[in-house]
Amino acid sequence: MLAVFLAGCGASGTRVDGARDVGRAFEQALASRDYGAACGLLAPETRTQLEEDEKQACAKALEEQELPVPGAVNGAEVYGRQALVHAGGETLFLSQFTGGWRVVAAGCTPQEDKPYQCVVKGG
């Protein structure tokens, strides 16, 4: 996943703000335990994968994940149609769809000399 980000180039402030806003909305939804709203911000493939893995509806499945405590969004980087949003001690990965930015992976932490380890991710 990281290679996709490194292959792109920087983006305009508007696109960075859009990714940051979705990351912030996702973190706020988790903080307020509004898992339905958080699910609405997941990419379709991520939502489907979560529901298939947990064999239950997205909101209930997301509630049961061991996601880091939601934190303040403190940065975003956009590369083409992909973005990283840094929130507290985790990183969110987003992709831009026709309807806007969506979270493709959440609860991600870097691993020394390895790809990020993510709690929630698409297949």
N, C-alpha and C. Protein backbone atom coordinates (compact mmCIF):
# COMPACT_ATOMS: atom_id res chain seq x y z
N MET A 1 0.83 -1.18 0.00
CA MET A 1 0.00 0.00 0.00
C MET A 1 0.88 1.25 0.00
N LEU A 2 1.97 1.22 0.73
CA LEU A 2 2.84 2.38 0.81
C LEU A 2 3.44 2.73 -0.54
N ALA A 3 3.72 1.73 -1.37
CA ALA A 3 4.30 1.99 -2.68
C ALA A 3 3.38 2.84 -3.54
N VAL A 4 2.07 2.65 -3.40
CA VAL A 4 1.11 3.45 -4.15
C VAL A 4 1.27 4.91 -3.79
N PHE A 5 1.48 5.21 -2.53
CA PHE A 5 1.61 6.59 -2.08
C PHE A 5 2.91 7.21 -2.57
N LEU A 6 3.97 6.45 -2.59
CA LEU A 6 5.26 6.98 -2.99
C LEU A 6 5.32 7.24 -4.49
N ALA A 7 4.47 6.58 -5.25
CA ALA A 7 4.49 6.75 -6.70
C ALA A 7 3.78 8.02 -7.15
N GLY A 8 2.94 8.59 -6.32
CA GLY A 8 2.16 9.77 -6.69
C GLY A 8 2.92 11.05 -6.46
N CYS A 9 2.22 12.16 -6.74
CA CYS A 9 2.82 13.45 -6.48
C CYS A 9 1.88 14.24 -5.58
N GLY A 10 2.35 15.35 -5.06
CA GLY A 10 1.59 16.16 -4.12
C GLY A 10 0.27 16.64 -4.70
N ALA A 11 -0.59 17.16 -3.84
CA ALA A 11 -1.92 17.58 -4.27
C ALA A 11 -2.22 18.98 -3.78
N SER A 12 -3.29 19.55 -4.34
CA SER A 12 -3.71 20.89 -3.95
C SER A 12 -4.23 20.91 -2.52
N GLY A 13 -4.26 22.10 -1.94
CA GLY A 13 -4.75 22.27 -0.58
C GLY A 13 -6.18 21.83 -0.42
N THR A 14 -7.01 22.01 -1.44
CA THR A 14 -8.41 21.60 -1.38
C THR A 14 -8.53 20.09 -1.22
N ARG A 15 -7.73 19.34 -1.95
CA ARG A 15 -7.79 17.88 -1.86
C ARG A 15 -7.25 17.40 -0.52
N VAL A 16 -6.20 18.05 -0.04
CA VAL A 16 -5.65 17.70 1.28
C VAL A 16 -6.69 17.98 2.35
N ASP A 17 -7.35 19.14 2.26
CA ASP A 17 -8.39 19.50 3.23
C ASP A 17 -9.54 18.49 3.19
N GLY A 18 -9.91 18.03 1.99
CA GLY A 18 -10.99 17.05 1.87
C GLY A 18 -10.65 15.74 2.55
N ALA A 19 -9.43 15.26 2.33
CA ALA A 19 -8.99 14.02 2.98
C ALA A 19 -8.93 14.21 4.49
N ARG A 20 -8.39 15.34 4.93
CA ARG A 20 -8.29 15.62 6.36
C ARG A 20 -9.68 15.69 6.99
N ASP A 21 -10.63 16.30 6.30
CA ASP A 21 -12.00 16.42 6.83
C ASP A 21 -12.66 15.05 7.00
N VAL A 22 -12.46 14.16 6.04
CA VAL A 22 -13.03 12.81 6.16
C VAL A 22 -12.34 12.05 7.29
N GLY A 23 -11.03 12.18 7.40
CA GLY A 23 -10.32 11.55 8.51
C GLY A 23 -10.82 12.06 9.85
N ARG A 24 -11.04 13.36 9.93
CA ARG A 24 -11.55 13.97 11.17
C ARG A 24 -12.96 13.46 11.47
N ALA A 25 -13.81 13.40 10.45
CA ALA A 25 -15.19 12.92 10.64
C ALA A 25 -15.20 11.46 11.10
N PHE A 26 -14.31 10.65 10.54
CA PHE A 26 -14.22 9.25 10.93
C PHE A 26 -13.80 9.14 12.40
N GLU A 27 -12.77 9.87 12.78
CA GLU A 27 -12.30 9.84 14.17
C GLU A 27 -13.38 10.36 15.13
N GLN A 28 -14.10 11.41 14.74
CA GLN A 28 -15.16 11.95 15.59
C GLN A 28 -16.30 10.95 15.74
N ALA A 29 -16.63 10.26 14.65
CA ALA A 29 -17.69 9.25 14.72
C ALA A 29 -17.30 8.13 15.68
N LEU A 30 -16.06 7.69 15.61
CA LEU A 30 -15.59 6.66 16.54
C LEU A 30 -15.61 7.16 17.98
N ALA A 31 -15.16 8.39 18.19
CA ALA A 31 -15.11 8.96 19.53
C ALA A 31 -16.50 9.05 20.16
N SER A 32 -17.51 9.34 19.32
CA SER A 32 -18.88 9.47 19.83
C SER A 32 -19.63 8.13 19.76
N ARG A 33 -18.92 7.08 19.37
CA ARG A 33 -19.48 5.74 19.27
C ARG A 33 -20.62 5.67 18.24
N ASP A 34 -20.55 6.52 17.22
CA ASP A 34 -21.52 6.52 16.13
C ASP A 34 -20.94 5.65 15.00
N TYR A 35 -21.02 4.34 15.22
CA TYR A 35 -20.39 3.40 14.29
C TYR A 35 -21.08 3.37 12.93
N GLY A 36 -22.37 3.70 12.90
CA GLY A 36 -23.07 3.79 11.63
C GLY A 36 -22.48 4.89 10.76
N ALA A 37 -22.22 6.05 11.36
CA ALA A 37 -21.61 7.16 10.63
C ALA A 37 -20.19 6.79 10.18
N ALA A 38 -19.44 6.14 11.06
CA ALA A 38 -18.08 5.72 10.70
C ALA A 38 -18.12 4.74 9.52
N CYS A 39 -19.07 3.82 9.53
CA CYS A 39 -19.21 2.87 8.43
C CYS A 39 -19.52 3.58 7.12
N GLY A 40 -20.28 4.66 7.20
CA GLY A 40 -20.60 5.44 6.01
C GLY A 40 -19.39 6.09 5.38
N LEU A 41 -18.30 6.19 6.13
CA LEU A 41 -17.07 6.79 5.62
C LEU A 41 -16.06 5.76 5.14
N LEU A 42 -16.39 4.47 5.30
CA LEU A 42 -15.50 3.42 4.81
C LEU A 42 -15.67 3.23 3.30
N ALA A 43 -14.60 2.86 2.65
CA ALA A 43 -14.67 2.50 1.23
C ALA A 43 -15.52 1.25 1.09
N PRO A 44 -16.24 1.10 -0.02
CA PRO A 44 -17.12 -0.06 -0.18
C PRO A 44 -16.43 -1.40 0.05
N GLU A 45 -15.24 -1.58 -0.50
CA GLU A 45 -14.53 -2.86 -0.35
C GLU A 45 -14.12 -3.10 1.11
N THR A 46 -13.75 -2.04 1.80
CA THR A 46 -13.36 -2.16 3.21
C THR A 46 -14.56 -2.55 4.05
N ARG A 47 -15.68 -1.91 3.80
CA ARG A 47 -16.91 -2.22 4.54
C ARG A 47 -17.32 -3.67 4.30
N THR A 48 -17.30 -4.10 3.04
CA THR A 48 -17.67 -5.47 2.70
C THR A 48 -16.73 -6.46 3.37
N GLN A 49 -15.43 -6.19 3.33
CA GLN A 49 -14.45 -7.10 3.94
C GLN A 49 -14.68 -7.20 5.44
N LEU A 50 -14.94 -6.08 6.10
CA LEU A 50 -15.19 -6.08 7.54
C LEU A 50 -16.43 -6.91 7.87
N GLU A 51 -17.50 -6.72 7.12
CA GLU A 51 -18.74 -7.47 7.37
C GLU A 51 -18.55 -8.96 7.10
N GLU A 52 -17.80 -9.31 6.06
CA GLU A 52 -17.55 -10.72 5.76
C GLU A 52 -16.66 -11.36 6.83
N ASP A 53 -15.62 -10.65 7.24
CA ASP A 53 -14.71 -11.20 8.25
C ASP A 53 -15.40 -11.41 9.59
N GLU A 54 -16.24 -10.46 9.97
CA GLU A 54 -16.88 -10.51 11.29
C GLU A 54 -18.27 -11.16 11.26
N LYS A 55 -18.80 -11.41 10.05
CA LYS A 55 -20.11 -12.05 9.87
C LYS A 55 -21.23 -11.30 10.61
N GLN A 56 -21.18 -9.97 10.50
CA GLN A 56 -22.22 -9.13 11.07
C GLN A 56 -22.21 -7.77 10.38
N ALA A 57 -23.24 -6.99 10.64
CA ALA A 57 -23.37 -5.67 10.02
C ALA A 57 -22.18 -4.78 10.40
N CYS A 58 -21.88 -3.84 9.53
CA CYS A 58 -20.70 -3.00 9.69
C CYS A 58 -20.63 -2.32 11.05
N ALA A 59 -21.70 -1.66 11.47
CA ALA A 59 -21.65 -0.89 12.73
C ALA A 59 -21.25 -1.77 13.90
N LYS A 60 -21.86 -2.93 14.02
CA LYS A 60 -21.54 -3.85 15.11
C LYS A 60 -20.11 -4.39 14.96
N ALA A 61 -19.73 -4.73 13.74
CA ALA A 61 -18.39 -5.25 13.49
C ALA A 61 -17.33 -4.20 13.81
N LEU A 62 -17.57 -2.95 13.42
CA LEU A 62 -16.62 -1.88 13.69
C LEU A 62 -16.49 -1.61 15.18
N GLU A 63 -17.60 -1.67 15.87
CA GLU A 63 -17.59 -1.45 17.33
C GLU A 63 -16.70 -2.48 18.03
N GLU A 64 -16.65 -3.69 17.52
CA GLU A 64 -15.90 -4.76 18.16
C GLU A 64 -14.42 -4.80 17.79
N GLN A 65 -14.01 -3.93 16.86
CA GLN A 65 -12.59 -3.90 16.48
C GLN A 65 -11.78 -3.20 17.57
N GLU A 66 -10.55 -3.58 17.68
CA GLU A 66 -9.66 -2.98 18.67
C GLU A 66 -8.90 -1.82 18.03
N LEU A 67 -9.68 -0.79 17.66
CA LEU A 67 -9.09 0.40 17.06
C LEU A 67 -8.48 1.27 18.15
N PRO A 68 -7.40 1.99 17.82
CA PRO A 68 -6.81 2.90 18.81
C PRO A 68 -7.84 3.94 19.25
N VAL A 69 -7.63 4.50 20.42
CA VAL A 69 -8.49 5.57 20.90
C VAL A 69 -8.45 6.69 19.87
N PRO A 70 -9.63 7.14 19.42
CA PRO A 70 -9.64 8.20 18.41
C PRO A 70 -8.84 9.42 18.87
N GLY A 71 -8.11 9.99 17.95
CA GLY A 71 -7.27 11.14 18.28
C GLY A 71 -7.52 12.29 17.33
N ALA A 72 -6.94 13.42 17.67
CA ALA A 72 -7.04 14.59 16.82
C ALA A 72 -6.26 14.37 15.54
N VAL A 73 -6.83 14.80 14.44
CA VAL A 73 -6.14 14.70 13.15
C VAL A 73 -5.04 15.75 13.14
N ASN A 74 -3.81 15.30 12.94
CA ASN A 74 -2.68 16.23 12.99
C ASN A 74 -1.86 16.26 11.71
N GLY A 75 -2.45 15.83 10.63
CA GLY A 75 -1.76 15.92 9.35
C GLY A 75 -2.38 15.03 8.30
N ALA A 76 -2.20 15.43 7.05
CA ALA A 76 -2.69 14.64 5.92
C ALA A 76 -1.72 14.82 4.76
N GLU A 77 -1.55 13.76 4.01
CA GLU A 77 -0.71 13.78 2.81
C GLU A 77 -1.52 13.14 1.69
N VAL A 78 -1.58 13.81 0.55
CA VAL A 78 -2.33 13.29 -0.59
C VAL A 78 -1.38 13.06 -1.75
N TYR A 79 -1.51 11.87 -2.34
CA TYR A 79 -0.71 11.48 -3.50
C TYR A 79 -1.66 10.90 -4.53
N GLY A 80 -1.94 11.67 -5.55
CA GLY A 80 -2.90 11.22 -6.56
C GLY A 80 -4.27 11.05 -5.94
N ARG A 81 -4.83 9.85 -6.03
CA ARG A 81 -6.17 9.57 -5.48
C ARG A 81 -6.08 8.83 -4.15
N GLN A 82 -4.91 8.86 -3.52
CA GLN A 82 -4.68 8.18 -2.24
C GLN A 82 -4.24 9.22 -1.21
N ALA A 83 -4.54 8.94 0.07
CA ALA A 83 -4.12 9.85 1.13
C ALA A 83 -3.79 9.09 2.41
N LEU A 84 -2.93 9.68 3.19
CA LEU A 84 -2.64 9.22 4.56
C LEU A 84 -3.11 10.35 5.47
N VAL A 85 -3.83 9.99 6.50
CA VAL A 85 -4.26 10.97 7.50
C VAL A 85 -3.75 10.48 8.84
N HIS A 86 -2.99 11.34 9.51
CA HIS A 86 -2.41 11.00 10.80
C HIS A 86 -3.34 11.50 11.90
N ALA A 87 -3.75 10.60 12.78
CA ALA A 87 -4.69 10.95 13.86
C ALA A 87 -4.21 10.29 15.14
N GLY A 88 -3.80 11.09 16.09
CA GLY A 88 -3.29 10.52 17.33
C GLY A 88 -2.13 9.60 17.02
N GLY A 89 -2.18 8.38 17.50
CA GLY A 89 -1.10 7.42 17.27
C GLY A 89 -1.34 6.49 16.11
N GLU A 90 -2.33 6.77 15.28
CA GLU A 90 -2.62 5.88 14.15
C GLU A 90 -2.59 6.64 12.83
N THR A 91 -2.61 5.88 11.76
CA THR A 91 -2.71 6.43 10.42
C THR A 91 -3.92 5.82 9.75
N LEU A 92 -4.67 6.67 9.05
CA LEU A 92 -5.77 6.21 8.21
C LEU A 92 -5.31 6.30 6.76
N PHE A 93 -5.69 5.33 5.95
CA PHE A 93 -5.44 5.37 4.52
C PHE A 93 -6.77 5.64 3.84
N LEU A 94 -6.80 6.59 2.92
CA LEU A 94 -8.02 6.96 2.22
C LEU A 94 -7.79 6.87 0.71
N SER A 95 -8.89 6.66 -0.01
CA SER A 95 -8.89 6.73 -1.47
C SER A 95 -10.00 7.67 -1.89
N GLN A 96 -9.79 8.32 -3.03
CA GLN A 96 -10.80 9.23 -3.53
C GLN A 96 -11.69 8.49 -4.52
N PHE A 97 -12.98 8.49 -4.24
CA PHE A 97 -14.00 7.87 -5.08
C PHE A 97 -14.82 8.97 -5.74
N THR A 98 -15.73 8.60 -6.62
CA THR A 98 -16.58 9.58 -7.28
C THR A 98 -17.33 10.43 -6.26
N GLY A 99 -17.78 9.82 -5.18
CA GLY A 99 -18.53 10.55 -4.15
C GLY A 99 -17.66 11.22 -3.11
N GLY A 100 -16.35 11.17 -3.24
CA GLY A 100 -15.45 11.81 -2.28
C GLY A 100 -14.48 10.83 -1.65
N TRP A 101 -13.78 11.29 -0.64
CA TRP A 101 -12.79 10.48 0.06
C TRP A 101 -13.46 9.44 0.94
N ARG A 102 -12.89 8.23 1.00
CA ARG A 102 -13.37 7.16 1.87
C ARG A 102 -12.17 6.47 2.52
N VAL A 103 -12.39 5.98 3.72
CA VAL A 103 -11.34 5.30 4.49
C VAL A 103 -11.21 3.87 3.96
N VAL A 104 -10.01 3.51 3.52
CA VAL A 104 -9.77 2.14 3.03
C VAL A 104 -9.07 1.29 4.09
N ALA A 105 -8.42 1.94 5.06
CA ALA A 105 -7.77 1.20 6.16
C ALA A 105 -7.69 2.12 7.37
N ALA A 106 -7.93 1.54 8.54
CA ALA A 106 -7.93 2.31 9.78
C ALA A 106 -7.19 1.55 10.87
N GLY A 107 -6.76 2.30 11.88
CA GLY A 107 -6.02 1.67 12.97
C GLY A 107 -4.66 1.19 12.52
N CYS A 108 -4.04 1.92 11.60
CA CYS A 108 -2.77 1.49 11.02
C CYS A 108 -1.58 2.07 11.78
N THR A 109 -0.62 1.22 12.03
CA THR A 109 0.62 1.63 12.69
C THR A 109 1.80 1.12 11.88
N PRO A 110 2.84 1.94 11.80
CA PRO A 110 4.02 1.50 11.03
C PRO A 110 4.74 0.36 11.74
N GLN A 111 5.33 -0.50 10.95
CA GLN A 111 6.12 -1.62 11.45
C GLN A 111 7.53 -1.43 10.91
N GLU A 112 8.51 -1.60 11.75
CA GLU A 112 9.89 -1.39 11.33
C GLU A 112 10.22 -2.26 10.11
N ASP A 113 10.62 -1.62 9.03
CA ASP A 113 11.02 -2.29 7.79
C ASP A 113 9.94 -3.18 7.19
N LYS A 114 8.66 -2.90 7.50
CA LYS A 114 7.54 -3.68 6.96
C LYS A 114 6.40 -2.72 6.65
N PRO A 115 5.40 -3.19 5.89
CA PRO A 115 4.22 -2.35 5.63
C PRO A 115 3.47 -2.05 6.94
N TYR A 116 2.61 -1.06 6.87
CA TYR A 116 1.76 -0.74 8.02
C TYR A 116 0.91 -1.95 8.42
N GLN A 117 0.64 -2.07 9.69
CA GLN A 117 -0.27 -3.08 10.23
C GLN A 117 -1.58 -2.36 10.51
N CYS A 118 -2.70 -2.81 9.90
CA CYS A 118 -3.98 -2.13 10.03
C CYS A 118 -5.02 -3.05 10.68
N VAL A 119 -5.82 -2.48 11.56
CA VAL A 119 -6.87 -3.23 12.23
C VAL A 119 -8.02 -3.48 11.26
N VAL A 120 -8.42 -2.46 10.51
CA VAL A 120 -9.52 -2.56 9.55
C VAL A 120 -8.96 -2.23 8.18
N LYS A 121 -9.23 -3.11 7.20
CA LYS A 121 -8.74 -2.86 5.84
C LYS A 121 -9.57 -3.67 4.85
N GLY A 122 -9.56 -3.20 3.63
CA GLY A 122 -10.25 -3.92 2.56
C GLY A 122 -9.40 -5.09 2.09
N GLY A 123 -10.01 -5.98 1.31
CA GLY A 123 -9.32 -7.17 0.84
C GLY A 123 -8.38 -6.85 -0.21
